[in-house]
């Protein structure tokens, strides 16, 4: 059973940085596309950033220039470096991965940007 385990969320002041990690376990196969989504209270879940196995990236406009997605294929792990954080970045961040045709989700990690 594939599991995605996220870490790195927390409370940070506006302008600060956080780095999220998500490791896929329970499989010998390399994840294909991996990504991060977020969901703020009362809003729909939205794509933040995605990365293919070949490291091509897609970054959502609200975070472009501030967030960087990367991955380590040897560890089946995806990262999200979040810089210049704003209060509107506050949300639960979910990791997502496609492994041999099936989509998996992490449990979510809370990111709160507040002074």
PDB file of N, CA and C in Angstrom:
ATOM      1  N   UNK A   1       0.833  -1.174   0.000  1.00  0.00           N
ATOM      2  CA  UNK A   1       0.000   0.000   0.000  1.00  0.00           C
ATOM      3  C   UNK A   1       0.885   1.247   0.000  1.00  0.00           C
ATOM      4  N   UNK A   2       0.683   2.101  -0.988  1.00  0.00           N
ATOM      5  CA  UNK A   2       1.484   3.319  -1.075  1.00  0.00           C
ATOM      6  C   UNK A   2       1.002   4.330  -0.045  1.00  0.00           C
ATOM      7  N   UNK A   3       1.923   4.912   0.656  1.00  0.00           N
ATOM      8  CA  UNK A   3       1.613   5.977   1.613  1.00  0.00           C
ATOM      9  C   UNK A   3       2.469   7.193   1.319  1.00  0.00           C
ATOM     10  N   UNK A   4       1.862   8.362   1.477  1.00  0.00           N
ATOM     11  CA  UNK A   4       2.584   9.629   1.335  1.00  0.00           C
ATOM     12  C   UNK A   4       2.634  10.282   2.713  1.00  0.00           C
ATOM     13  N   UNK A   5       3.824  10.544   3.193  1.00  0.00           N
ATOM     14  CA  UNK A   5       3.999  11.122   4.517  1.00  0.00           C
ATOM     15  C   UNK A   5       4.605  12.508   4.366  1.00  0.00           C
ATOM     16  N   UNK A   6       3.839  13.508   4.818  1.00  0.00           N
ATOM     17  CA  UNK A   6       4.259  14.900   4.709  1.00  0.00           C
ATOM     18  C   UNK A   6       4.870  15.388   6.014  1.00  0.00           C
ATOM     19  N   UNK A   7       5.731  16.372   5.897  1.00  0.00           N
ATOM     20  CA  UNK A   7       6.295  17.023   7.072  1.00  0.00           C
ATOM     21  C   UNK A   7       6.714  18.438   6.704  1.00  0.00           C
ATOM     22  N   UNK A   8       6.909  19.272   7.734  1.00  0.00           N
ATOM     23  CA  UNK A   8       7.462  20.601   7.507  1.00  0.00           C
ATOM     24  C   UNK A   8       6.507  21.754   7.674  1.00  0.00           C
ATOM     25  N   UNK A   9       5.233  21.502   7.924  1.00  0.00           N
ATOM     26  CA  UNK A   9       4.298  22.603   8.117  1.00  0.00           C
ATOM     27  C   UNK A   9       4.513  23.280   9.459  1.00  0.00           C
ATOM     28  N   UNK A  10       3.756  24.352   9.676  1.00  0.00           N
ATOM     29  CA  UNK A  10       3.862  25.050  10.946  1.00  0.00           C
ATOM     30  C   UNK A  10       3.405  26.483  10.848  1.00  0.00           C
ATOM     31  N   UNK A  11       3.753  27.252  11.879  1.00  0.00           N
ATOM     32  CA  UNK A  11       3.406  28.665  11.965  1.00  0.00           C
ATOM     33  C   UNK A  11       4.624  29.502  11.599  1.00  0.00           C
ATOM     34  N   UNK A  12       4.422  30.480  10.729  1.00  0.00           N
ATOM     35  CA  UNK A  12       5.522  31.336  10.302  1.00  0.00           C
ATOM     36  C   UNK A  12       4.989  32.762  10.123  1.00  0.00           C
ATOM     37  N   UNK A  13       5.846  33.728  10.334  1.00  0.00           N
ATOM     38  CA  UNK A  13       5.453  35.127  10.159  1.00  0.00           C
ATOM     39  C   UNK A  13       5.436  35.501   8.679  1.00  0.00           C
ATOM     40  N   UNK A  14       4.650  36.485   8.319  1.00  0.00           N
ATOM     41  CA  UNK A  14       4.670  36.958   6.918  1.00  0.00           C
ATOM     42  C   UNK A  14       6.088  37.312   6.484  1.00  0.00           C
ATOM     43  N   UNK A  15       6.436  36.891   5.276  1.00  0.00           N
ATOM     44  CA  UNK A  15       7.781  37.102   4.757  1.00  0.00           C
ATOM     45  C   UNK A  15       8.738  35.964   5.057  1.00  0.00           C
ATOM     46  N   UNK A  16       8.297  35.049   5.884  1.00  0.00           N
ATOM     47  CA  UNK A  16       9.154  33.924   6.268  1.00  0.00           C
ATOM     48  C   UNK A  16       9.131  32.796   5.244  1.00  0.00           C
ATOM     49  N   UNK A  17       9.829  31.716   5.605  1.00  0.00           N
ATOM     50  CA  UNK A  17       9.968  30.565   4.711  1.00  0.00           C
ATOM     51  C   UNK A  17       9.675  29.274   5.450  1.00  0.00           C
ATOM     52  N   UNK A  18       9.213  28.302   4.692  1.00  0.00           N
ATOM     53  CA  UNK A  18       9.022  26.937   5.182  1.00  0.00           C
ATOM     54  C   UNK A  18       9.362  25.981   4.048  1.00  0.00           C
ATOM     55  N   UNK A  19       9.765  24.781   4.421  1.00  0.00           N
ATOM     56  CA  UNK A  19      10.020  23.746   3.426  1.00  0.00           C
ATOM     57  C   UNK A  19       9.200  22.514   3.782  1.00  0.00           C
ATOM     58  N   UNK A  20       8.348  22.116   2.862  1.00  0.00           N
ATOM     59  CA  UNK A  20       7.556  20.907   3.033  1.00  0.00           C
ATOM     60  C   UNK A  20       8.232  19.738   2.325  1.00  0.00           C
ATOM     61  N   UNK A  21       8.085  18.554   2.937  1.00  0.00           N
ATOM     62  CA  UNK A  21       8.598  17.331   2.339  1.00  0.00           C
ATOM     63  C   UNK A  21       7.483  16.301   2.281  1.00  0.00           C
ATOM     64  N   UNK A  22       7.555  15.436   1.287  1.00  0.00           N
ATOM     65  CA  UNK A  22       6.576  14.364   1.150  1.00  0.00           C
ATOM     66  C   UNK A  22       7.288  13.144   0.587  1.00  0.00           C
ATOM     67  N   UNK A  23       7.291  12.070   1.361  1.00  0.00           N
ATOM     68  CA  UNK A  23       7.963  10.850   0.954  1.00  0.00           C
ATOM     69  C   UNK A  23       6.928   9.762   0.647  1.00  0.00           C
ATOM     70  N   UNK A  24       7.098   9.121  -0.499  1.00  0.00           N
ATOM     71  CA  UNK A  24       6.234   8.002  -0.883  1.00  0.00           C
ATOM     72  C   UNK A  24       6.883   6.704  -0.422  1.00  0.00           C
ATOM     73  N   UNK A  25       6.133   5.899   0.307  1.00  0.00           N
ATOM     74  CA  UNK A  25       6.659   4.619   0.793  1.00  0.00           C
ATOM     75  C   UNK A  25       5.681   3.505   0.426  1.00  0.00           C
ATOM     76  N   UNK A  26       6.150   2.275   0.591  1.00  0.00           N
ATOM     77  CA  UNK A  26       5.287   1.126   0.324  1.00  0.00           C
ATOM     78  C   UNK A  26       5.247   0.710  -1.135  1.00  0.00           C
ATOM     79  N   UNK A  27       6.203   1.189  -1.921  1.00  0.00           N
ATOM     80  CA  UNK A  27       6.248   0.823  -3.326  1.00  0.00           C
ATOM     81  C   UNK A  27       7.689   0.781  -3.795  1.00  0.00           C
ATOM     82  N   UNK A  28       7.936  -0.127  -4.767  1.00  0.00           N
ATOM     83  CA  UNK A  28       9.270  -0.174  -5.365  1.00  0.00           C
ATOM     84  C   UNK A  28       9.327   0.664  -6.625  1.00  0.00           C
ATOM     85  N   UNK A  29       8.168   1.206  -7.028  1.00  0.00           N
ATOM     86  CA  UNK A  29       8.096   1.965  -8.268  1.00  0.00           C
ATOM     87  C   UNK A  29       8.327   3.449  -8.001  1.00  0.00           C
ATOM     88  N   UNK A  30       8.964   4.104  -8.956  1.00  0.00           N
ATOM     89  CA  UNK A  30       9.157   5.537  -8.858  1.00  0.00           C
ATOM     90  C   UNK A  30       7.837   6.232  -9.152  1.00  0.00           C
ATOM     91  N   UNK A  31       7.510   7.219  -8.337  1.00  0.00           N
ATOM     92  CA  UNK A  31       6.319   8.011  -8.612  1.00  0.00           C
ATOM     93  C   UNK A  31       6.513   8.790  -9.911  1.00  0.00           C
ATOM     94  N   UNK A  32       5.465   8.907 -10.676  1.00  0.00           N
ATOM     95  CA  UNK A  32       5.527   9.724 -11.883  1.00  0.00           C
ATOM     96  C   UNK A  32       5.319  11.188 -11.479  1.00  0.00           C
ATOM     97  N   UNK A  33       4.203  11.770 -11.824  1.00  0.00           N
ATOM     98  CA  UNK A  33       3.978  13.149 -11.410  1.00  0.00           C
ATOM     99  C   UNK A  33       3.750  13.214  -9.904  1.00  0.00           C
ATOM    100  N   UNK A  34       4.307  14.230  -9.294  1.00  0.00           N
ATOM    101  CA  UNK A  34       4.080  14.506  -7.872  1.00  0.00           C
ATOM    102  C   UNK A  34       3.734  15.981  -7.741  1.00  0.00           C
ATOM    103  N   UNK A  35       2.997  16.298  -6.705  1.00  0.00           N
ATOM    104  CA  UNK A  35       2.613  17.701  -6.588  1.00  0.00           C
ATOM    105  C   UNK A  35       2.108  18.070  -5.217  1.00  0.00           C
ATOM    106  N   UNK A  36       1.841  19.347  -5.086  1.00  0.00           N
ATOM    107  CA  UNK A  36       1.299  19.902  -3.848  1.00  0.00           C
ATOM    108  C   UNK A  36       0.023  20.675  -4.171  1.00  0.00           C
ATOM    109  N   UNK A  37      -0.977  20.432  -3.352  1.00  0.00           N
ATOM    110  CA  UNK A  37      -2.234  21.165  -3.412  1.00  0.00           C
ATOM    111  C   UNK A  37      -2.449  21.818  -2.059  1.00  0.00           C
ATOM    112  N   UNK A  38      -3.353  22.782  -2.008  1.00  0.00           N
ATOM    113  CA  UNK A  38      -3.693  23.381  -0.733  1.00  0.00           C
ATOM    114  C   UNK A  38      -5.181  23.676  -0.668  1.00  0.00           C
ATOM    115  N   UNK A  39      -5.679  23.697   0.561  1.00  0.00           N
ATOM    116  CA  UNK A  39      -7.086  24.001   0.778  1.00  0.00           C
ATOM    117  C   UNK A  39      -7.223  24.910   1.982  1.00  0.00           C
ATOM    118  N   UNK A  40      -7.714  26.107   1.736  1.00  0.00           N
ATOM    119  CA  UNK A  40      -7.974  27.056   2.811  1.00  0.00           C
ATOM    120  C   UNK A  40      -9.417  26.881   3.282  1.00  0.00           C
ATOM    121  N   UNK A  41      -9.725  27.304   4.505  1.00  0.00           N
ATOM    122  CA  UNK A  41     -11.091  27.165   5.022  1.00  0.00           C
ATOM    123  C   UNK A  41     -12.118  27.820   4.096  1.00  0.00           C
ATOM    124  N   UNK A  42     -13.156  27.071   3.748  1.00  0.00           N
ATOM    125  CA  UNK A  42     -14.214  27.601   2.909  1.00  0.00           C
ATOM    126  C   UNK A  42     -13.889  27.678   1.436  1.00  0.00           C
ATOM    127  N   UNK A  43     -12.724  27.172   1.043  1.00  0.00           N
ATOM    128  CA  UNK A  43     -12.320  27.234  -0.358  1.00  0.00           C
ATOM    129  C   UNK A  43     -12.069  25.835  -0.897  1.00  0.00           C
ATOM    130  N   UNK A  44     -12.064  25.734  -2.224  1.00  0.00           N
ATOM    131  CA  UNK A  44     -11.774  24.458  -2.863  1.00  0.00           C
ATOM    132  C   UNK A  44     -10.280  24.169  -2.846  1.00  0.00           C
ATOM    133  N   UNK A  45      -9.959  22.897  -2.917  1.00  0.00           N
ATOM    134  CA  UNK A  45      -8.555  22.506  -3.008  1.00  0.00           C
ATOM    135  C   UNK A  45      -8.017  22.982  -4.351  1.00  0.00           C
ATOM    136  N   UNK A  46      -6.803  23.530  -4.326  1.00  0.00           N
ATOM    137  CA  UNK A  46      -6.209  24.057  -5.550  1.00  0.00           C
ATOM    138  C   UNK A  46      -4.780  23.565  -5.712  1.00  0.00           C
ATOM    139  N   UNK A  47      -4.376  23.462  -6.965  1.00  0.00           N
ATOM    140  CA  UNK A  47      -3.001  23.075  -7.263  1.00  0.00           C
ATOM    141  C   UNK A  47      -2.055  24.218  -6.889  1.00  0.00           C
ATOM    142  N   UNK A  48      -0.970  23.852  -6.233  1.00  0.00           N
ATOM    143  CA  UNK A  48       0.085  24.816  -5.928  1.00  0.00           C
ATOM    144  C   UNK A  48       1.246  24.641  -6.894  1.00  0.00           C
ATOM    145  N   UNK A  49       1.717  23.399  -7.016  1.00  0.00           N
ATOM    146  CA  UNK A  49       2.844  23.123  -7.895  1.00  0.00           C
ATOM    147  C   UNK A  49       2.893  21.636  -8.178  1.00  0.00           C
ATOM    148  N   UNK A  50       3.424  21.285  -9.355  1.00  0.00           N
ATOM    149  CA  UNK A  50       3.559  19.883  -9.735  1.00  0.00           C
ATOM    150  C   UNK A  50       4.874  19.693 -10.450  1.00  0.00           C
ATOM    151  N   UNK A  51       5.371  18.455 -10.412  1.00  0.00           N
ATOM    152  CA  UNK A  51       6.649  18.146 -11.035  1.00  0.00           C
ATOM    153  C   UNK A  51       6.586  16.738 -11.606  1.00  0.00           C
ATOM    154  N   UNK A  52       7.099  16.564 -12.830  1.00  0.00           N
ATOM    155  CA  UNK A  52       7.114  15.248 -13.455  1.00  0.00           C
ATOM    156  C   UNK A  52       8.349  14.465 -13.008  1.00  0.00           C
ATOM    157  N   UNK A  53       8.409  13.203 -13.393  1.00  0.00           N
ATOM    158  CA  UNK A  53       9.571  12.388 -13.055  1.00  0.00           C
ATOM    159  C   UNK A  53      10.831  12.925 -13.731  1.00  0.00           C
ATOM    160  N   UNK A  54      10.649  13.667 -14.823  1.00  0.00           N
ATOM    161  CA  UNK A  54      11.780  14.286 -15.507  1.00  0.00           C
ATOM    162  C   UNK A  54      12.079  15.686 -15.020  1.00  0.00           C
ATOM    163  N   UNK A  55      11.380  16.106 -13.925  1.00  0.00           N
ATOM    164  CA  UNK A  55      11.583  17.387 -13.253  1.00  0.00           C
ATOM    165  C   UNK A  55      11.085  18.600 -14.028  1.00  0.00           C
ATOM    166  N   UNK A  56      10.154  18.403 -14.944  1.00  0.00           N
ATOM    167  CA  UNK A  56       9.449  19.554 -15.513  1.00  0.00           C
ATOM    168  C   UNK A  56       8.431  20.017 -14.475  1.00  0.00           C
ATOM    169  N   UNK A  57       8.302  21.336 -14.327  1.00  0.00           N
ATOM    170  CA  UNK A  57       7.456  21.865 -13.250  1.00  0.00           C
ATOM    171  C   UNK A  57       6.318  22.720 -13.781  1.00  0.00           C
ATOM    172  N   UNK A  58       5.277  22.794 -12.961  1.00  0.00           N
ATOM    173  CA  UNK A  58       4.136  23.656 -13.223  1.00  0.00           C
ATOM    174  C   UNK A  58       3.829  24.352 -11.908  1.00  0.00           C
ATOM    175  N   UNK A  59       3.931  25.671 -11.887  1.00  0.00           N
ATOM    176  CA  UNK A  59       3.745  26.454 -10.665  1.00  0.00           C
ATOM    177  C   UNK A  59       2.515  27.346 -10.841  1.00  0.00           C
ATOM    178  N   UNK A  60       1.625  27.324  -9.867  1.00  0.00           N
ATOM    179  CA  UNK A  60       0.411  28.144  -9.941  1.00  0.00           C
ATOM    180  C   UNK A  60       0.775  29.628  -9.857  1.00  0.00           C
ATOM    181  N   UNK A  61       0.011  30.450 -10.548  1.00  0.00           N
ATOM    182  CA  UNK A  61       0.313  31.880 -10.617  1.00  0.00           C
ATOM    183  C   UNK A  61       0.419  32.557  -9.240  1.00  0.00           C
ATOM    184  N   UNK A  62      -0.472  32.251  -8.269  1.00  0.00           N
ATOM    185  CA  UNK A  62      -0.397  32.954  -6.974  1.00  0.00           C
ATOM    186  C   UNK A  62       0.922  32.747  -6.228  1.00  0.00           C
ATOM    187  N   UNK A  63       1.659  31.707  -6.550  1.00  0.00           N
ATOM    188  CA  UNK A  63       2.892  31.413  -5.820  1.00  0.00           C
ATOM    189  C   UNK A  63       4.126  31.466  -6.717  1.00  0.00           C
ATOM    190  N   UNK A  64       3.931  31.775  -7.977  1.00  0.00           N
ATOM    191  CA  UNK A  64       5.050  31.809  -8.917  1.00  0.00           C
ATOM    192  C   UNK A  64       6.064  32.865  -8.466  1.00  0.00           C
ATOM    193  N   UNK A  65       7.328  32.469  -8.481  1.00  0.00           N
ATOM    194  CA  UNK A  65       8.378  33.381  -8.048  1.00  0.00           C
ATOM    195  C   UNK A  65       8.656  33.318  -6.560  1.00  0.00           C
ATOM    196  N   UNK A  66       7.795  32.645  -5.802  1.00  0.00           N
ATOM    197  CA  UNK A  66       7.984  32.521  -4.351  1.00  0.00           C
ATOM    198  C   UNK A  66       8.179  31.069  -3.919  1.00  0.00           C
ATOM    199  N   UNK A  67       7.510  30.144  -4.581  1.00  0.00           N
ATOM    200  CA  UNK A  67       7.584  28.724  -4.219  1.00  0.00           C
ATOM    201  C   UNK A  67       8.391  27.970  -5.269  1.00  0.00           C
ATOM    202  N   UNK A  68       9.135  26.976  -4.793  1.00  0.00           N
ATOM    203  CA  UNK A  68       9.920  26.122  -5.679  1.00  0.00           C
ATOM    204  C   UNK A  68       9.615  24.668  -5.361  1.00  0.00           C
ATOM    205  N   UNK A  69       9.291  23.895  -6.387  1.00  0.00           N
ATOM    206  CA  UNK A  69       9.059  22.458  -6.199  1.00  0.00           C
ATOM    207  C   UNK A  69      10.253  21.697  -6.745  1.00  0.00           C
ATOM    208  N   UNK A  70      10.647  20.650  -6.035  1.00  0.00           N
ATOM    209  CA  UNK A  70      11.759  19.813  -6.479  1.00  0.00           C
ATOM    210  C   UNK A  70      11.511  18.390  -5.998  1.00  0.00           C
ATOM    211  N   UNK A  71      12.317  17.470  -6.483  1.00  0.00           N
ATOM    212  CA  UNK A  71      12.144  16.080  -6.072  1.00  0.00           C
ATOM    213  C   UNK A  71      13.472  15.355  -6.069  1.00  0.00           C
ATOM    214  N   UNK A  72      13.515  14.292  -5.264  1.00  0.00           N
ATOM    215  CA  UNK A  72      14.656  13.391  -5.216  1.00  0.00           C
ATOM    216  C   UNK A  72      14.123  12.018  -5.593  1.00  0.00           C
ATOM    217  N   UNK A  73      14.382  11.601  -6.826  1.00  0.00           N
ATOM    218  CA  UNK A  73      13.832  10.330  -7.301  1.00  0.00           C
ATOM    219  C   UNK A  73      14.423   9.131  -6.559  1.00  0.00           C
ATOM    220  N   UNK A  74      15.613   9.264  -6.035  1.00  0.00           N
ATOM    221  CA  UNK A  74      16.220   8.149  -5.304  1.00  0.00           C
ATOM    222  C   UNK A  74      15.492   7.898  -3.986  1.00  0.00           C
ATOM    223  N   UNK A  75      14.794   8.912  -3.494  1.00  0.00           N
ATOM    224  CA  UNK A  75      14.056   8.789  -2.238  1.00  0.00           C
ATOM    225  C   UNK A  75      12.544   8.836  -2.452  1.00  0.00           C
ATOM    226  N   UNK A  76      12.115   8.946  -3.710  1.00  0.00           N
ATOM    227  CA  UNK A  76      10.677   9.060  -3.996  1.00  0.00           C
ATOM    228  C   UNK A  76      10.058  10.176  -3.156  1.00  0.00           C
ATOM    229  N   UNK A  77      10.739  11.300  -3.110  1.00  0.00           N
ATOM    230  CA  UNK A  77      10.352  12.408  -2.236  1.00  0.00           C
ATOM    231  C   UNK A  77      10.227  13.692  -3.047  1.00  0.00           C
ATOM    232  N   UNK A  78       9.196  14.467  -2.714  1.00  0.00           N
ATOM    233  CA  UNK A  78       8.995  15.761  -3.346  1.00  0.00           C
ATOM    234  C   UNK A  78       9.058  16.837  -2.260  1.00  0.00           C
ATOM    235  N   UNK A  79       9.581  17.994  -2.631  1.00  0.00           N
ATOM    236  CA  UNK A  79       9.752  19.100  -1.696  1.00  0.00           C
ATOM    237  C   UNK A  79       9.037  20.344  -2.221  1.00  0.00           C
ATOM    238  N   UNK A  80       8.636  21.192  -1.292  1.00  0.00           N
ATOM    239  CA  UNK A  80       8.092  22.490  -1.657  1.00  0.00           C
ATOM    240  C   UNK A  80       8.756  23.544  -0.783  1.00  0.00           C
ATOM    241  N   UNK A  81       9.623  24.334  -1.393  1.00  0.00           N
ATOM    242  CA  UNK A  81      10.260  25.446  -0.691  1.00  0.00           C
ATOM    243  C   UNK A  81       9.378  26.666  -0.849  1.00  0.00           C
ATOM    244  N   UNK A  82       8.910  27.184   0.266  1.00  0.00           N
ATOM    245  CA  UNK A  82       7.977  28.319   0.253  1.00  0.00           C
ATOM    246  C   UNK A  82       8.668  29.528   0.854  1.00  0.00           C
ATOM    247  N   UNK A  83       8.848  30.559   0.051  1.00  0.00           N
ATOM    248  CA  UNK A  83       9.507  31.785   0.473  1.00  0.00           C
ATOM    249  C   UNK A  83       8.542  32.961   0.406  1.00  0.00           C
ATOM    250  N   UNK A  84       8.889  34.019   1.082  1.00  0.00           N
ATOM    251  CA  UNK A  84       8.067  35.248   1.073  1.00  0.00           C
ATOM    252  C   UNK A  84       6.602  34.927   1.337  1.00  0.00           C
ATOM    253  N   UNK A  85       6.381  34.154   2.362  1.00  0.00           N
ATOM    254  CA  UNK A  85       5.026  33.689   2.660  1.00  0.00           C
ATOM    255  C   UNK A  85       4.113  34.845   3.034  1.00  0.00           C
ATOM    256  N   UNK A  86       2.853  34.693   2.620  1.00  0.00           N
ATOM    257  CA  UNK A  86       1.827  35.707   2.866  1.00  0.00           C
ATOM    258  C   UNK A  86       0.687  35.081   3.677  1.00  0.00           C
ATOM    259  N   UNK A  87      -0.088  35.894   4.379  1.00  0.00           N
ATOM    260  CA  UNK A  87      -1.223  35.337   5.126  1.00  0.00           C
ATOM    261  C   UNK A  87      -2.167  34.529   4.244  1.00  0.00           C
ATOM    262  N   UNK A  88      -2.304  34.928   2.986  1.00  0.00           N
ATOM    263  CA  UNK A  88      -3.202  34.187   2.090  1.00  0.00           C
ATOM    264  C   UNK A  88      -2.661  32.824   1.675  1.00  0.00           C
ATOM    265  N   UNK A  89      -1.435  32.515   2.059  1.00  0.00           N
ATOM    266  CA  UNK A  89      -0.892  31.172   1.835  1.00  0.00           C
ATOM    267  C   UNK A  89      -1.328  30.198   2.929  1.00  0.00           C
ATOM    268  N   UNK A  90      -1.992  30.700   3.942  1.00  0.00           N
ATOM    269  CA  UNK A  90      -2.464  29.842   5.030  1.00  0.00           C
ATOM    270  C   UNK A  90      -3.460  28.822   4.506  1.00  0.00           C
ATOM    271  N   UNK A  91      -3.173  27.548   4.767  1.00  0.00           N
ATOM    272  CA  UNK A  91      -4.014  26.454   4.258  1.00  0.00           C
ATOM    273  C   UNK A  91      -3.460  25.129   4.763  1.00  0.00           C
ATOM    274  N   UNK A  92      -4.219  24.077   4.527  1.00  0.00           N
ATOM    275  CA  UNK A  92      -3.684  22.727   4.682  1.00  0.00           C
ATOM    276  C   UNK A  92      -3.091  22.333   3.332  1.00  0.00           C
ATOM    277  N   UNK A  93      -1.848  21.922   3.365  1.00  0.00           N
ATOM    278  CA  UNK A  93      -1.130  21.543   2.145  1.00  0.00           C
ATOM    279  C   UNK A  93      -1.105  20.021   2.026  1.00  0.00           C
ATOM    280  N   UNK A  94      -1.497  19.529   0.857  1.00  0.00           N
ATOM    281  CA  UNK A  94      -1.574  18.096   0.604  1.00  0.00           C
ATOM    282  C   UNK A  94      -0.586  17.698  -0.491  1.00  0.00           C
ATOM    283  N   UNK A  95       0.087  16.605  -0.247  1.00  0.00           N
ATOM    284  CA  UNK A  95       0.961  16.014  -1.247  1.00  0.00           C
ATOM    285  C   UNK A  95       0.147  15.042  -2.099  1.00  0.00           C
ATOM    286  N   UNK A  96       0.536  14.915  -3.339  1.00  0.00           N
ATOM    287  CA  UNK A  96      -0.173  14.074  -4.299  1.00  0.00           C
ATOM    288  C   UNK A  96       0.855  13.393  -5.180  1.00  0.00           C
ATOM    289  N   UNK A  97       0.609  12.126  -5.505  1.00  0.00           N
ATOM    290  CA  UNK A  97       1.554  11.417  -6.371  1.00  0.00           C
ATOM    291  C   UNK A  97       0.815  10.383  -7.206  1.00  0.00           C
ATOM    292  N   UNK A  98       1.309  10.186  -8.406  1.00  0.00           N
ATOM    293  CA  UNK A  98       0.785   9.147  -9.288  1.00  0.00           C
ATOM    294  C   UNK A  98       1.819   8.032  -9.366  1.00  0.00           C
ATOM    295  N   UNK A  99       1.390   6.834  -8.969  1.00  0.00           N
ATOM    296  CA  UNK A  99       2.282   5.671  -8.975  1.00  0.00           C
ATOM    297  C   UNK A  99       1.595   4.571  -9.759  1.00  0.00           C
ATOM    298  N   UNK A 100       2.218   4.155 -10.852  1.00  0.00           N
ATOM    299  CA  UNK A 100       1.703   3.139 -11.781  1.00  0.00           C
ATOM    300  C   UNK A 100       0.194   3.278 -11.987  1.00  0.00           C
ATOM    301  N   UNK A 101      -0.209   4.491 -12.336  1.00  0.00           N
ATOM    302  CA  UNK A 101      -1.576   4.744 -12.755  1.00  0.00           C
ATOM    303  C   UNK A 101      -2.569   5.070 -11.668  1.00  0.00           C
ATOM    304  N   UNK A 102      -2.176   4.973 -10.411  1.00  0.00           N
ATOM    305  CA  UNK A 102      -3.085   5.305  -9.312  1.00  0.00           C
ATOM    306  C   UNK A 102      -2.629   6.586  -8.629  1.00  0.00           C
ATOM    307  N   UNK A 103      -3.614   7.354  -8.153  1.00  0.00           N
ATOM    308  CA  UNK A 103      -3.327   8.627  -7.493  1.00  0.00           C
ATOM    309  C   UNK A 103      -3.416   8.444  -5.980  1.00  0.00           C
ATOM    310  N   UNK A 104      -2.450   8.984  -5.287  1.00  0.00           N
ATOM    311  CA  UNK A 104      -2.413   8.892  -3.824  1.00  0.00           C
ATOM    312  C   UNK A 104      -2.291  10.288  -3.236  1.00  0.00           C
ATOM    313  N   UNK A 105      -2.824  10.417  -2.011  1.00  0.00           N
ATOM    314  CA  UNK A 105      -2.800  11.700  -1.302  1.00  0.00           C
ATOM    315  C   UNK A 105      -2.192  11.517   0.082  1.00  0.00           C
ATOM    316  N   UNK A 106      -1.492  12.542   0.524  1.00  0.00           N
ATOM    317  CA  UNK A 106      -1.033  12.574   1.897  1.00  0.00           C
ATOM    318  C   UNK A 106      -2.139  13.033   2.822  1.00  0.00           C
ATOM    319  N   UNK A 107      -1.836  13.052   4.110  1.00  0.00           N
ATOM    320  CA  UNK A 107      -2.844  13.384   5.112  1.00  0.00           C
ATOM    321  C   UNK A 107      -3.011  14.884   5.288  1.00  0.00           C
ATOM    322  N   UNK A 108      -2.077  15.648   4.760  1.00  0.00           N
ATOM    323  CA  UNK A 108      -2.139  17.097   4.851  1.00  0.00           C
ATOM    324  C   UNK A 108      -1.305  17.636   6.002  1.00  0.00           C
ATOM    325  N   UNK A 109      -0.748  18.809   5.788  1.00  0.00           N
ATOM    326  CA  UNK A 109       0.024  19.477   6.829  1.00  0.00           C
ATOM    327  C   UNK A 109      -0.388  20.958   6.852  1.00  0.00           C
ATOM    328  N   UNK A 110      -0.615  21.477   8.058  1.00  0.00           N
ATOM    329  CA  UNK A 110      -1.104  22.839   8.208  1.00  0.00           C
ATOM    330  C   UNK A 110       0.038  23.839   8.068  1.00  0.00           C
ATOM    331  N   UNK A 111      -0.192  24.852   7.258  1.00  0.00           N
ATOM    332  CA  UNK A 111       0.715  25.987   7.144  1.00  0.00           C
ATOM    333  C   UNK A 111      -0.078  27.229   7.522  1.00  0.00           C
ATOM    334  N   UNK A 112       0.406  27.939   8.524  1.00  0.00           N
ATOM    335  CA  UNK A 112      -0.258  29.156   8.986  1.00  0.00           C
ATOM    336  C   UNK A 112       0.730  30.308   8.916  1.00  0.00           C
ATOM    337  N   UNK A 113       0.345  31.358   8.204  1.00  0.00           N
ATOM    338  CA  UNK A 113       1.186  32.538   8.060  1.00  0.00           C
ATOM    339  C   UNK A 113       0.499  33.681   8.803  1.00  0.00           C
ATOM    340  N   UNK A 114       1.097  34.079   9.912  1.00  0.00           N
ATOM    341  CA  UNK A 114       0.464  35.082  10.761  1.00  0.00           C
ATOM    342  C   UNK A 114       1.507  35.744  11.644  1.00  0.00           C
ATOM    343  N   UNK A 115       1.276  37.010  11.936  1.00  0.00           N
ATOM    344  CA  UNK A 115       2.154  37.714  12.862  1.00  0.00           C
ATOM    345  C   UNK A 115       1.600  37.642  14.278  1.00  0.00           C
TER     346      UNK A 115
END
